[in-house]
C-alpha atoms as a PDB file:
ATOM      1  CA  UNK A   1     -88.567 -58.481  42.138  1.00  0.00           C
ATOM      2  CA  UNK A   2     -87.325 -55.829  44.475  1.00  0.00           C
ATOM      3  CA  UNK A   3     -85.761 -52.409  44.339  1.00  0.00           C
ATOM      4  CA  UNK A   4     -84.619 -50.952  41.074  1.00  0.00           C
ATOM      5  CA  UNK A   5     -85.662 -54.073  39.153  1.00  0.00           C
ATOM      6  CA  UNK A   6     -89.371 -53.476  39.631  1.00  0.00           C
ATOM      7  CA  UNK A   7     -88.992 -49.749  38.935  1.00  0.00           C
ATOM      8  CA  UNK A   8     -87.223 -50.597  35.688  1.00  0.00           C
ATOM      9  CA  UNK A   9     -89.906 -53.124  34.727  1.00  0.00           C
ATOM     10  CA  UNK A  10     -92.784 -50.732  35.404  1.00  0.00           C
ATOM     11  CA  UNK A  11     -90.952 -47.940  33.579  1.00  0.00           C
ATOM     12  CA  UNK A  12     -90.396 -50.218  30.583  1.00  0.00           C
ATOM     13  CA  UNK A  13     -94.137 -50.853  30.376  1.00  0.00           C
ATOM     14  CA  UNK A  14     -94.819 -47.112  30.642  1.00  0.00           C
ATOM     15  CA  UNK A  15     -92.387 -46.404  27.788  1.00  0.00           C
ATOM     16  CA  UNK A  16     -93.887 -49.215  25.723  1.00  0.00           C
ATOM     17  CA  UNK A  17     -97.361 -47.696  26.128  1.00  0.00           C
ATOM     18  CA  UNK A  18     -95.983 -44.442  24.747  1.00  0.00           C
ATOM     19  CA  UNK A  19     -94.547 -46.191  21.685  1.00  0.00           C
ATOM     20  CA  UNK A  20     -97.348 -48.752  21.286  1.00  0.00           C
ATOM     21  CA  UNK A  21    -100.576 -47.180  22.547  1.00  0.00           C
ATOM     22  CA  UNK A  22    -103.385 -49.459  23.657  1.00  0.00           C
ATOM     23  CA  UNK A  23    -106.880 -47.954  23.942  1.00  0.00           C
ATOM     24  CA  UNK A  24    -107.628 -49.705  27.251  1.00  0.00           C
ATOM     25  CA  UNK A  25    -104.352 -48.638  28.895  1.00  0.00           C
ATOM     26  CA  UNK A  26    -104.492 -46.276  31.865  1.00  0.00           C
ATOM     27  CA  UNK A  27    -101.024 -44.979  30.990  1.00  0.00           C
ATOM     28  CA  UNK A  28    -102.162 -44.218  27.442  1.00  0.00           C
ATOM     29  CA  UNK A  29    -105.164 -42.328  28.791  1.00  0.00           C
ATOM     30  CA  UNK A  30    -102.813 -40.173  30.859  1.00  0.00           C
ATOM     31  CA  UNK A  31    -100.542 -39.530  27.881  1.00  0.00           C
ATOM     32  CA  UNK A  32    -103.561 -38.633  25.767  1.00  0.00           C
ATOM     33  CA  UNK A  33    -104.915 -36.264  28.436  1.00  0.00           C
ATOM     34  CA  UNK A  34    -101.593 -34.439  28.482  1.00  0.00           C
ATOM     35  CA  UNK A  35     -99.068 -33.062  30.890  1.00  0.00           C
ATOM     36  CA  UNK A  36    -101.558 -31.149  33.028  1.00  0.00           C
ATOM     37  CA  UNK A  37    -103.453 -34.373  33.802  1.00  0.00           C
ATOM     38  CA  UNK A  38    -100.242 -36.204  34.669  1.00  0.00           C
ATOM     39  CA  UNK A  39     -99.194 -33.353  36.976  1.00  0.00           C
ATOM     40  CA  UNK A  40    -102.673 -33.303  38.523  1.00  0.00           C
ATOM     41  CA  UNK A  41    -102.354 -37.016  39.315  1.00  0.00           C
ATOM     42  CA  UNK A  42     -98.931 -36.481  40.891  1.00  0.00           C
ATOM     43  CA  UNK A  43    -100.365 -33.716  43.079  1.00  0.00           C
ATOM     44  CA  UNK A  44    -103.346 -35.866  43.998  1.00  0.00           C
ATOM     45  CA  UNK A  45    -101.142 -38.815  44.943  1.00  0.00           C
ATOM     46  CA  UNK A  46     -98.804 -36.584  46.982  1.00  0.00           C
ATOM     47  CA  UNK A  47    -101.762 -35.301  48.998  1.00  0.00           C
ATOM     48  CA  UNK A  48    -103.075 -38.850  49.456  1.00  0.00           C
ATOM     49  CA  UNK A  49     -99.649 -39.916  50.735  1.00  0.00           C
ATOM     50  CA  UNK A  50     -99.645 -37.066  53.240  1.00  0.00           C
ATOM     51  CA  UNK A  51    -103.127 -38.044  54.433  1.00  0.00           C
ATOM     52  CA  UNK A  52    -102.141 -41.707  54.647  1.00  0.00           C
ATOM     53  CA  UNK A  53     -99.170 -40.749  56.779  1.00  0.00           C
ATOM     54  CA  UNK A  54    -101.474 -38.989  59.209  1.00  0.00           C
ATOM     55  CA  UNK A  55    -103.378 -42.266  59.721  1.00  0.00           C
ATOM     56  CA  UNK A  56    -100.174 -44.048  60.762  1.00  0.00           C
ATOM     57  CA  UNK A  57    -101.216 -46.995  58.599  1.00  0.00           C
ATOM     58  CA  UNK A  58     -98.113 -48.482  57.020  1.00  0.00           C
ATOM     59  CA  UNK A  59    -100.214 -50.274  54.404  1.00  0.00           C
ATOM     60  CA  UNK A  60    -101.855 -47.019  53.301  1.00  0.00           C
ATOM     61  CA  UNK A  61     -98.517 -45.203  53.254  1.00  0.00           C
ATOM     62  CA  UNK A  62     -96.959 -47.908  51.089  1.00  0.00           C
ATOM     63  CA  UNK A  63     -99.984 -47.972  48.750  1.00  0.00           C
ATOM     64  CA  UNK A  64     -99.993 -44.207  48.227  1.00  0.00           C
ATOM     65  CA  UNK A  65     -96.215 -44.099  47.819  1.00  0.00           C
ATOM     66  CA  UNK A  66     -96.500 -46.682  45.040  1.00  0.00           C
ATOM     67  CA  UNK A  67     -99.165 -44.516  43.352  1.00  0.00           C
ATOM     68  CA  UNK A  68     -96.957 -41.430  43.611  1.00  0.00           C
ATOM     69  CA  UNK A  69     -93.930 -43.245  42.207  1.00  0.00           C
ATOM     70  CA  UNK A  70     -96.001 -44.726  39.385  1.00  0.00           C
ATOM     71  CA  UNK A  71     -97.388 -41.371  38.297  1.00  0.00           C
ATOM     72  CA  UNK A  72     -93.929 -39.818  38.562  1.00  0.00           C
ATOM     73  CA  UNK A  73     -92.663 -42.530  36.217  1.00  0.00           C
ATOM     74  CA  UNK A  74     -95.441 -41.637  33.774  1.00  0.00           C
ATOM     75  CA  UNK A  75     -94.204 -38.030  33.889  1.00  0.00           C
ATOM     76  CA  UNK A  76     -90.649 -39.222  33.270  1.00  0.00           C
ATOM     77  CA  UNK A  77     -91.880 -41.236  30.298  1.00  0.00           C
ATOM     78  CA  UNK A  78     -93.721 -38.255  28.869  1.00  0.00           C
ATOM     79  CA  UNK A  79     -90.582 -36.102  29.214  1.00  0.00           C
ATOM     80  CA  UNK A  80     -88.177 -38.770  27.967  1.00  0.00           C
ATOM     81  CA  UNK A  81     -86.246 -38.813  31.236  1.00  0.00           C
ATOM     82  CA  UNK A  82     -84.567 -42.154  31.923  1.00  0.00           C
ATOM     83  CA  UNK A  83     -85.183 -43.672  35.357  1.00  0.00           C
ATOM     84  CA  UNK A  84     -81.428 -44.029  35.693  1.00  0.00           C
ATOM     85  CA  UNK A  85     -81.251 -40.231  36.006  1.00  0.00           C
ATOM     86  CA  UNK A  86     -82.878 -40.515  39.441  1.00  0.00           C
ATOM     87  CA  UNK A  87     -80.560 -43.324  40.475  1.00  0.00           C
ATOM     88  CA  UNK A  88     -77.574 -41.233  39.414  1.00  0.00           C
ATOM     89  CA  UNK A  89     -78.868 -38.170  41.263  1.00  0.00           C
ATOM     90  CA  UNK A  90     -79.345 -40.186  44.450  1.00  0.00           C
ATOM     91  CA  UNK A  91     -75.864 -41.644  44.039  1.00  0.00           C
ATOM     92  CA  UNK A  92     -74.435 -38.140  43.506  1.00  0.00           C
ATOM     93  CA  UNK A  93     -76.080 -36.956  46.723  1.00  0.00           C
ATOM     94  CA  UNK A  94     -74.415 -39.762  48.685  1.00  0.00           C
ATOM     95  CA  UNK A  95     -70.956 -38.321  48.023  1.00  0.00           C
END
């Protein structure tokens, strides 16, 4: 899976965890901890991405970018924002 397909799949799991909580789920633990924890994780991952960029390690940059995107998707799930909204915004900006 590449591109939007994997984003959609991960987002579907995130939404499912919201509707069908599982005690062992990391996503559920974030939802339970609340918005401040989710925002904290986004901030943490953004800083880690910046630091990874300074190392010039492509592997680290990719890893931290995936973490940042994942936690952003958790925020979207908590707010009920569809992932398509981002795709549409990017498309709008291309005009």
